[in-house]
Amino acid sequence: MSAVPGKLLVDGVVRVGGTERFSLRMLQARDAAHVGRQFFARHDPAAEWFDDLRPAPGSWWPA
């Protein structure tokens, strides 16, 4: 998925601490230090674009 911070891969849905989250990874990034970095978004089945997602509590989020 293309987004402002770069290209993202949605790895799937994972359960962390009893809460479902989307697992994402940066494939390409404007900041090379972010390439390959995993992060989590709140699970939202209605989300269609990266901009629809919100950071999971305590997760790093690309700027």
PDB file of N, CA and C in Angstrom:
ATOM      1  N   MET A   1       0.851  -1.155   0.000  1.00  0.00           N
ATOM      2  CA  MET A   1       0.000   0.000   0.000  1.00  0.00           C
ATOM      3  C   MET A   1       0.906   1.230   0.000  1.00  0.00           C
ATOM      4  N   SER A   2       0.628   2.166  -0.872  1.00  0.00           N
ATOM      5  CA  SER A   2       1.370   3.421  -0.885  1.00  0.00           C
ATOM      6  C   SER A   2       0.744   4.398   0.092  1.00  0.00           C
ATOM      7  N   ALA A   3       1.579   5.129   0.796  1.00  0.00           N
ATOM      8  CA  ALA A   3       1.121   6.124   1.759  1.00  0.00           C
ATOM      9  C   ALA A   3       2.179   7.214   1.847  1.00  0.00           C
ATOM     10  N   VAL A   4       1.855   8.296   2.507  1.00  0.00           N
ATOM     11  CA  VAL A   4       2.788   9.422   2.619  1.00  0.00           C
ATOM     12  C   VAL A   4       4.146   9.002   3.181  1.00  0.00           C
ATOM     13  N   PRO A   5       4.212   8.168   4.259  1.00  0.00           N
ATOM     14  CA  PRO A   5       5.534   7.821   4.783  1.00  0.00           C
ATOM     15  C   PRO A   5       6.310   6.831   3.918  1.00  0.00           C
ATOM     16  N   GLY A   6       5.646   6.177   2.954  1.00  0.00           N
ATOM     17  CA  GLY A   6       6.318   5.215   2.090  1.00  0.00           C
ATOM     18  C   GLY A   6       5.395   4.074   1.701  1.00  0.00           C
ATOM     19  N   LYS A   7       5.979   2.947   1.322  1.00  0.00           N
ATOM     20  CA  LYS A   7       5.192   1.766   0.957  1.00  0.00           C
ATOM     21  C   LYS A   7       5.091   0.843   2.165  1.00  0.00           C
ATOM     22  N   LEU A   8       3.866   0.367   2.416  1.00  0.00           N
ATOM     23  CA  LEU A   8       3.585  -0.444   3.593  1.00  0.00           C
ATOM     24  C   LEU A   8       3.082  -1.816   3.201  1.00  0.00           C
ATOM     25  N   LEU A   9       3.376  -2.778   4.027  1.00  0.00           N
ATOM     26  CA  LEU A   9       2.844  -4.123   3.887  1.00  0.00           C
ATOM     27  C   LEU A   9       1.951  -4.393   5.083  1.00  0.00           C
ATOM     28  N   VAL A  10       0.738  -4.840   4.819  1.00  0.00           N
ATOM     29  CA  VAL A  10      -0.151  -5.264   5.905  1.00  0.00           C
ATOM     30  C   VAL A  10       0.102  -6.750   6.092  1.00  0.00           C
ATOM     31  N   ASP A  11       0.763  -7.116   7.195  1.00  0.00           N
ATOM     32  CA  ASP A  11       1.103  -8.516   7.461  1.00  0.00           C
ATOM     33  C   ASP A  11      -0.115  -9.325   7.881  1.00  0.00           C
ATOM     34  N   GLY A  12      -1.111  -8.669   8.457  1.00  0.00           N
ATOM     35  CA  GLY A  12      -2.311  -9.367   8.888  1.00  0.00           C
ATOM     36  C   GLY A  12      -2.812  -8.821  10.207  1.00  0.00           C
ATOM     37  N   VAL A  13      -3.712  -9.578  10.803  1.00  0.00           N
ATOM     38  CA  VAL A  13      -4.293  -9.202  12.098  1.00  0.00           C
ATOM     39  C   VAL A  13      -3.678 -10.090  13.170  1.00  0.00           C
ATOM     40  N   VAL A  14      -3.223  -9.471  14.248  1.00  0.00           N
ATOM     41  CA  VAL A  14      -2.635 -10.212  15.371  1.00  0.00           C
ATOM     42  C   VAL A  14      -3.382  -9.838  16.646  1.00  0.00           C
ATOM     43  N   ARG A  15      -3.272 -10.699  17.635  1.00  0.00           N
ATOM     44  CA  ARG A  15      -3.880 -10.424  18.932  1.00  0.00           C
ATOM     45  C   ARG A  15      -2.755 -10.115  19.904  1.00  0.00           C
ATOM     46  N   VAL A  16      -2.789  -8.915  20.485  1.00  0.00           N
ATOM     47  CA  VAL A  16      -1.787  -8.469  21.441  1.00  0.00           C
ATOM     48  C   VAL A  16      -2.517  -8.050  22.705  1.00  0.00           C
ATOM     49  N   GLY A  17      -2.240  -8.731  23.805  1.00  0.00           N
ATOM     50  CA  GLY A  17      -2.885  -8.389  25.070  1.00  0.00           C
ATOM     51  C   GLY A  17      -4.395  -8.480  25.011  1.00  0.00           C
ATOM     52  N   GLY A  18      -4.911  -9.402  24.228  1.00  0.00           N
ATOM     53  CA  GLY A  18      -6.356  -9.589  24.138  1.00  0.00           C
ATOM     54  C   GLY A  18      -7.051  -8.644  23.170  1.00  0.00           C
ATOM     55  N   THR A  19      -6.277  -7.811  22.460  1.00  0.00           N
ATOM     56  CA  THR A  19      -6.837  -6.846  21.524  1.00  0.00           C
ATOM     57  C   THR A  19      -6.330  -7.134  20.118  1.00  0.00           C
ATOM     58  N   GLU A  20      -7.227  -7.123  19.131  1.00  0.00           N
ATOM     59  CA  GLU A  20      -6.812  -7.325  17.753  1.00  0.00           C
ATOM     60  C   GLU A  20      -6.189  -6.044  17.203  1.00  0.00           C
ATOM     61  N   ARG A  21      -5.106  -6.218  16.444  1.00  0.00           N
ATOM     62  CA  ARG A  21      -4.401  -5.103  15.821  1.00  0.00           C
ATOM     63  C   ARG A  21      -3.949  -5.513  14.433  1.00  0.00           C
ATOM     64  N   PHE A  22      -3.803  -4.540  13.551  1.00  0.00           N
ATOM     65  CA  PHE A  22      -3.181  -4.795  12.262  1.00  0.00           C
ATOM     66  C   PHE A  22      -1.675  -4.743  12.463  1.00  0.00           C
ATOM     67  N   SER A  23      -0.966  -5.712  11.912  1.00  0.00           N
ATOM     68  CA  SER A  23       0.489  -5.713  11.914  1.00  0.00           C
ATOM     69  C   SER A  23       0.931  -5.181  10.556  1.00  0.00           C
ATOM     70  N   LEU A  24       1.738  -4.131  10.569  1.00  0.00           N
ATOM     71  CA  LEU A  24       2.212  -3.500   9.339  1.00  0.00           C
ATOM     72  C   LEU A  24       3.731  -3.414   9.343  1.00  0.00           C
ATOM     73  N   ARG A  25       4.304  -3.271   8.152  1.00  0.00           N
ATOM     74  CA  ARG A  25       5.760  -3.155   8.033  1.00  0.00           C
ATOM     75  C   ARG A  25       6.081  -2.183   6.904  1.00  0.00           C
ATOM     76  N   MET A  26       7.108  -1.384   7.084  1.00  0.00           N
ATOM     77  CA  MET A  26       7.560  -0.443   6.062  1.00  0.00           C
ATOM     78  C   MET A  26       8.427  -1.192   5.041  1.00  0.00           C
ATOM     79  N   LEU A  27       8.033  -1.178   3.761  1.00  0.00           N
ATOM     80  CA  LEU A  27       8.827  -1.796   2.698  1.00  0.00           C
ATOM     81  C   LEU A  27       9.801  -0.796   2.096  1.00  0.00           C
ATOM     82  N   GLN A  28       9.319   0.419   1.902  1.00  0.00           N
ATOM     83  CA  GLN A  28      10.138   1.540   1.451  1.00  0.00           C
ATOM     84  C   GLN A  28       9.717   2.720   2.313  1.00  0.00           C
ATOM     85  N   ALA A  29      10.633   3.622   2.586  1.00  0.00           N
ATOM     86  CA  ALA A  29      10.278   4.753   3.435  1.00  0.00           C
ATOM     87  C   ALA A  29      11.071   5.983   3.033  1.00  0.00           C
ATOM     88  N   ARG A  30      10.479   7.134   3.263  1.00  0.00           N
ATOM     89  CA  ARG A  30      11.191   8.391   3.027  1.00  0.00           C
ATOM     90  C   ARG A  30      12.421   8.462   3.921  1.00  0.00           C
ATOM     91  N   ASP A  31      12.304   7.908   5.125  1.00  0.00           N
ATOM     92  CA  ASP A  31      13.430   7.827   6.066  1.00  0.00           C
ATOM     93  C   ASP A  31      13.954   6.393   6.014  1.00  0.00           C
ATOM     94  N   ALA A  32      15.130   6.191   5.475  1.00  0.00           N
ATOM     95  CA  ALA A  32      15.690   4.845   5.290  1.00  0.00           C
ATOM     96  C   ALA A  32      15.770   4.048   6.587  1.00  0.00           C
ATOM     97  N   ALA A  33      15.856   4.714   7.724  1.00  0.00           N
ATOM     98  CA  ALA A  33      15.924   4.014   9.014  1.00  0.00           C
ATOM     99  C   ALA A  33      14.619   3.283   9.330  1.00  0.00           C
ATOM    100  N   HIS A  34      13.537   3.620   8.647  1.00  0.00           N
ATOM    101  CA  HIS A  34      12.240   2.983   8.920  1.00  0.00           C
ATOM    102  C   HIS A  34      11.984   1.734   8.084  1.00  0.00           C
ATOM    103  N   VAL A  35      12.814   1.486   7.061  1.00  0.00           N
ATOM    104  CA  VAL A  35      12.609   0.330   6.185  1.00  0.00           C
ATOM    105  C   VAL A  35      12.712  -0.954   6.999  1.00  0.00           C
ATOM    106  N   GLY A  36      11.715  -1.819   6.844  1.00  0.00           N
ATOM    107  CA  GLY A  36      11.665  -3.097   7.549  1.00  0.00           C
ATOM    108  C   GLY A  36      11.065  -3.009   8.944  1.00  0.00           C
ATOM    109  N   ARG A  37      10.784  -1.824   9.409  1.00  0.00           N
ATOM    110  CA  ARG A  37      10.279  -1.639  10.771  1.00  0.00           C
ATOM    111  C   ARG A  37       8.814  -2.046  10.874  1.00  0.00           C
ATOM    112  N   GLN A  38       8.506  -2.823  11.892  1.00  0.00           N
ATOM    113  CA  GLN A  38       7.137  -3.277  12.143  1.00  0.00           C
ATOM    114  C   GLN A  38       6.443  -2.303  13.085  1.00  0.00           C
ATOM    115  N   PHE A  39       5.143  -2.129  12.869  1.00  0.00           N
ATOM    116  CA  PHE A  39       4.340  -1.306  13.767  1.00  0.00           C
ATOM    117  C   PHE A  39       2.906  -1.808  13.744  1.00  0.00           C
ATOM    118  N   PHE A  40       2.093  -1.314  14.658  1.00  0.00           N
ATOM    119  CA  PHE A  40       0.738  -1.822  14.826  1.00  0.00           C
ATOM    120  C   PHE A  40      -0.284  -0.697  14.773  1.00  0.00           C
ATOM    121  N   ALA A  41      -1.438  -1.012  14.197  1.00  0.00           N
ATOM    122  CA  ALA A  41      -2.558  -0.076  14.139  1.00  0.00           C
ATOM    123  C   ALA A  41      -3.757  -0.716  14.834  1.00  0.00           C
ATOM    124  N   ARG A  42      -4.630   0.128  15.340  1.00  0.00           N
ATOM    125  CA  ARG A  42      -5.877  -0.387  15.919  1.00  0.00           C
ATOM    126  C   ARG A  42      -6.632  -1.144  14.830  1.00  0.00           C
ATOM    127  N   HIS A  43      -7.245  -2.250  15.188  1.00  0.00           N
ATOM    128  CA  HIS A  43      -8.008  -3.038  14.218  1.00  0.00           C
ATOM    129  C   HIS A  43      -9.283  -2.294  13.860  1.00  0.00           C
ATOM    130  N   ASP A  44      -9.479  -2.060  12.575  1.00  0.00           N
ATOM    131  CA  ASP A  44     -10.679  -1.396  12.076  1.00  0.00           C
ATOM    132  C   ASP A  44     -11.064  -2.072  10.771  1.00  0.00           C
ATOM    133  N   PRO A  45     -12.059  -2.973  10.806  1.00  0.00           N
ATOM    134  CA  PRO A  45     -12.440  -3.698   9.596  1.00  0.00           C
ATOM    135  C   PRO A  45     -12.948  -2.790   8.477  1.00  0.00           C
ATOM    136  N   ALA A  46     -13.355  -1.579   8.808  1.00  0.00           N
ATOM    137  CA  ALA A  46     -13.871  -0.651   7.801  1.00  0.00           C
ATOM    138  C   ALA A  46     -12.761   0.157   7.126  1.00  0.00           C
ATOM    139  N   ALA A  47     -11.539   0.097   7.634  1.00  0.00           N
ATOM    140  CA  ALA A  47     -10.427   0.877   7.071  1.00  0.00           C
ATOM    141  C   ALA A  47     -10.096   0.381   5.669  1.00  0.00           C
ATOM    142  N   GLU A  48      -9.922   1.327   4.755  1.00  0.00           N
ATOM    143  CA  GLU A  48      -9.568   0.986   3.379  1.00  0.00           C
ATOM    144  C   GLU A  48      -8.230   1.580   2.961  1.00  0.00           C
ATOM    145  N   TRP A  49      -7.758   2.618   3.654  1.00  0.00           N
ATOM    146  CA  TRP A  49      -6.519   3.305   3.337  1.00  0.00           C
ATOM    147  C   TRP A  49      -5.710   3.483   4.608  1.00  0.00           C
ATOM    148  N   PHE A  50      -4.419   3.724   4.444  1.00  0.00           N
ATOM    149  CA  PHE A  50      -3.553   3.950   5.592  1.00  0.00           C
ATOM    150  C   PHE A  50      -4.061   5.104   6.447  1.00  0.00           C
ATOM    151  N   ASP A  51      -4.558   6.149   5.792  1.00  0.00           N
ATOM    152  CA  ASP A  51      -5.074   7.318   6.522  1.00  0.00           C
ATOM    153  C   ASP A  51      -6.275   6.987   7.399  1.00  0.00           C
ATOM    154  N   ASP A  52      -6.943   5.859   7.141  1.00  0.00           N
ATOM    155  CA  ASP A  52      -8.089   5.435   7.956  1.00  0.00           C
ATOM    156  C   ASP A  52      -7.645   4.764   9.253  1.00  0.00           C
ATOM    157  N   LEU A  53      -6.379   4.352   9.328  1.00  0.00           N
ATOM    158  CA  LEU A  53      -5.872   3.627  10.497  1.00  0.00           C
ATOM    159  C   LEU A  53      -5.389   4.578  11.581  1.00  0.00           C
ATOM    160  N   ARG A  54      -5.454   4.112  12.811  1.00  0.00           N
ATOM    161  CA  ARG A  54      -4.969   4.870  13.956  1.00  0.00           C
ATOM    162  C   ARG A  54      -3.928   4.026  14.689  1.00  0.00           C
ATOM    163  N   PRO A  55      -2.892   4.658  15.244  1.00  0.00           N
ATOM    164  CA  PRO A  55      -1.843   3.896  15.947  1.00  0.00           C
ATOM    165  C   PRO A  55      -2.420   3.100  17.118  1.00  0.00           C
ATOM    166  N   ALA A  56      -1.891   1.909  17.291  1.00  0.00           N
ATOM    167  CA  ALA A  56      -2.227   1.117  18.482  1.00  0.00           C
ATOM    168  C   ALA A  56      -1.506   1.745  19.669  1.00  0.00           C
ATOM    169  N   PRO A  57      -2.102   1.698  20.848  1.00  0.00           N
ATOM    170  CA  PRO A  57      -1.438   2.274  22.033  1.00  0.00           C
ATOM    171  C   PRO A  57      -0.041   1.692  22.233  1.00  0.00           C
ATOM    172  N   GLY A  58       0.927   2.559  22.415  1.00  0.00           N
ATOM    173  CA  GLY A  58       2.302   2.140  22.667  1.00  0.00           C
ATOM    174  C   GLY A  58       3.103   1.750  21.457  1.00  0.00           C
ATOM    175  N   SER A  59       2.496   1.824  20.268  1.00  0.00           N
ATOM    176  CA  SER A  59       3.199   1.420  19.059  1.00  0.00           C
ATOM    177  C   SER A  59       3.886   2.616  18.400  1.00  0.00           C
ATOM    178  N   TRP A  60       5.066   2.374  17.812  1.00  0.00           N
ATOM    179  CA  TRP A  60       5.725   3.369  16.978  1.00  0.00           C
ATOM    180  C   TRP A  60       4.827   3.634  15.775  1.00  0.00           C
ATOM    181  N   TRP A  61       4.838   4.834  15.250  1.00  0.00           N
ATOM    182  CA  TRP A  61       4.003   5.169  14.088  1.00  0.00           C
ATOM    183  C   TRP A  61       4.830   6.023  13.136  1.00  0.00           C
ATOM    184  N   PRO A  62       4.865   5.680  11.842  1.00  0.00           N
ATOM    185  CA  PRO A  62       5.655   6.466  10.893  1.00  0.00           C
ATOM    186  C   PRO A  62       5.071   7.864  10.704  1.00  0.00           C
ATOM    187  N   ALA A  63       5.940   8.832  10.607  1.00  0.00           N
ATOM    188  CA  ALA A  63       5.485  10.222  10.412  1.00  0.00           C
ATOM    189  C   ALA A  63       5.489  10.591   8.948  1.00  0.00           C
TER     190      ALA A  63
END
